Amino acid sequence: MKSYTFSMHITYQQFLHHYSGAASNVLVLTDNGLRLQLPASRMRPFLTQIGIRGRFRVTVSDANKLQAIEQIM
């Protein structure tokens, strides 16, 4: 398995406005410059009244299938 880290800072309103659809994705830039496209629904557990803020780790299988997203800070 591989893991990637990234930071996300988006307000509550921005998240709802841009990623409210069921098929929407979030594009993030990892710390090592790789662009990852993640399902927005996987970020919803981290959404608070102020939005999504913090550092995250994405774990993917060797076949690049999303395994987990966790907040690390």
C-alpha atoms as a PDB file:
ATOM      1  CA  MET A   1       0.000   0.000   0.000  1.00  0.00           C
ATOM      2  CA  LYS A   2       1.005   3.594  -0.593  1.00  0.00           C
ATOM      3  CA  SER A   3       0.110   6.709   1.335  1.00  0.00           C
ATOM      4  CA  TYR A   4       0.086  10.396   0.458  1.00  0.00           C
ATOM      5  CA  THR A   5      -0.313  13.479   2.636  1.00  0.00           C
ATOM      6  CA  PHE A   6      -1.904  16.805   1.826  1.00  0.00           C
ATOM      7  CA  SER A   7      -3.404  19.888   3.451  1.00  0.00           C
ATOM      8  CA  MET A   8      -6.940  21.095   2.885  1.00  0.00           C
ATOM      9  CA  HIS A   9      -8.434  24.455   3.817  1.00  0.00           C
ATOM     10  CA  ILE A  10     -11.923  25.033   2.453  1.00  0.00           C
ATOM     11  CA  THR A  11     -14.882  26.801   4.032  1.00  0.00           C
ATOM     12  CA  TYR A  12     -18.167  25.059   4.753  1.00  0.00           C
ATOM     13  CA  GLN A  13     -19.969  27.096   2.095  1.00  0.00           C
ATOM     14  CA  GLN A  14     -17.294  26.450  -0.530  1.00  0.00           C
ATOM     15  CA  PHE A  15     -17.436  22.726   0.083  1.00  0.00           C
ATOM     16  CA  LEU A  16     -21.228  22.575  -0.166  1.00  0.00           C
ATOM     17  CA  HIS A  17     -21.324  24.811  -3.223  1.00  0.00           C
ATOM     18  CA  HIS A  18     -18.689  22.919  -5.195  1.00  0.00           C
ATOM     19  CA  TYR A  19     -19.031  19.346  -3.954  1.00  0.00           C
ATOM     20  CA  SER A  20     -22.708  18.789  -3.121  1.00  0.00           C
ATOM     21  CA  GLY A  21     -23.358  16.417  -6.052  1.00  0.00           C
ATOM     22  CA  ALA A  22     -23.134  12.656  -5.635  1.00  0.00           C
ATOM     23  CA  ALA A  23     -20.610  12.279  -8.467  1.00  0.00           C
ATOM     24  CA  SER A  24     -18.383  15.199  -7.497  1.00  0.00           C
ATOM     25  CA  ASN A  25     -14.676  14.812  -6.847  1.00  0.00           C
ATOM     26  CA  VAL A  26     -12.073  16.747  -4.926  1.00  0.00           C
ATOM     27  CA  LEU A  27      -8.728  17.383  -6.589  1.00  0.00           C
ATOM     28  CA  VAL A  28      -5.849  17.700  -4.117  1.00  0.00           C
ATOM     29  CA  LEU A  29      -2.143  18.310  -4.522  1.00  0.00           C
ATOM     30  CA  THR A  30      -0.066  16.039  -2.292  1.00  0.00           C
ATOM     31  CA  ASP A  31       3.053  17.164  -0.473  1.00  0.00           C
ATOM     32  CA  ASN A  32       5.230  15.540  -3.140  1.00  0.00           C
ATOM     33  CA  GLY A  33       3.403  17.264  -6.028  1.00  0.00           C
ATOM     34  CA  LEU A  34       1.115  14.433  -7.123  1.00  0.00           C
ATOM     35  CA  ARG A  35      -2.480  15.342  -8.039  1.00  0.00           C
ATOM     36  CA  LEU A  36      -5.100  13.031  -6.571  1.00  0.00           C
ATOM     37  CA  GLN A  37      -8.768  12.977  -7.459  1.00  0.00           C
ATOM     38  CA  LEU A  38     -10.842  11.815  -4.492  1.00  0.00           C
ATOM     39  CA  PRO A  39     -14.593  11.328  -4.114  1.00  0.00           C
ATOM     40  CA  ALA A  40     -15.984  14.368  -2.286  1.00  0.00           C
ATOM     41  CA  SER A  41     -18.201  12.068  -0.251  1.00  0.00           C
ATOM     42  CA  ARG A  42     -15.075  10.656   1.428  1.00  0.00           C
ATOM     43  CA  MET A  43     -14.235  14.142   2.770  1.00  0.00           C
ATOM     44  CA  ARG A  44     -17.689  14.781   4.283  1.00  0.00           C
ATOM     45  CA  PRO A  45     -16.854  13.135   7.649  1.00  0.00           C
ATOM     46  CA  PHE A  46     -14.245  15.872   8.158  1.00  0.00           C
ATOM     47  CA  LEU A  47     -16.646  18.738   7.394  1.00  0.00           C
ATOM     48  CA  THR A  48     -17.342  21.005  10.380  1.00  0.00           C
ATOM     49  CA  GLN A  49     -19.099  24.350  10.772  1.00  0.00           C
ATOM     50  CA  ILE A  50     -15.913  26.121   9.675  1.00  0.00           C
ATOM     51  CA  GLY A  51     -15.279  23.753   6.761  1.00  0.00           C
ATOM     52  CA  ILE A  52     -12.489  21.257   6.227  1.00  0.00           C
ATOM     53  CA  ARG A  53      -9.133  22.270   7.644  1.00  0.00           C
ATOM     54  CA  GLY A  54      -6.078  20.242   8.420  1.00  0.00           C
ATOM     55  CA  ARG A  55      -3.603  17.660   7.265  1.00  0.00           C
ATOM     56  CA  PHE A  56      -4.742  14.358   5.815  1.00  0.00           C
ATOM     57  CA  ARG A  57      -3.275  11.012   4.815  1.00  0.00           C
ATOM     58  CA  VAL A  58      -4.721   9.004   1.932  1.00  0.00           C
ATOM     59  CA  THR A  59      -3.909   5.312   1.739  1.00  0.00           C
ATOM     60  CA  VAL A  60      -4.294   3.487  -1.563  1.00  0.00           C
ATOM     61  CA  SER A  61      -3.753  -0.132  -2.587  1.00  0.00           C
ATOM     62  CA  ASP A  62      -1.009  -1.205  -4.966  1.00  0.00           C
ATOM     63  CA  ALA A  63      -3.682  -0.975  -7.691  1.00  0.00           C
ATOM     64  CA  ASN A  64      -4.308   2.687  -6.660  1.00  0.00           C
ATOM     65  CA  LYS A  65      -7.720   1.905  -5.148  1.00  0.00           C
ATOM     66  CA  LEU A  66      -8.646   4.226  -2.293  1.00  0.00           C
ATOM     67  CA  GLN A  67      -8.428   2.426   1.049  1.00  0.00           C
ATOM     68  CA  ALA A  68      -8.694   5.171   3.680  1.00  0.00           C
ATOM     69  CA  ILE A  69      -8.524   8.891   4.390  1.00  0.00           C
ATOM     70  CA  GLU A  70      -7.547  10.027   7.866  1.00  0.00           C
ATOM     71  CA  GLN A  71      -6.941  13.391   9.436  1.00  0.00           C
ATOM     72  CA  ILE A  72      -3.462  13.538  10.926  1.00  0.00           C
ATOM     73  CA  MET A  73      -3.425  17.075  12.415  1.00  0.00           C
END
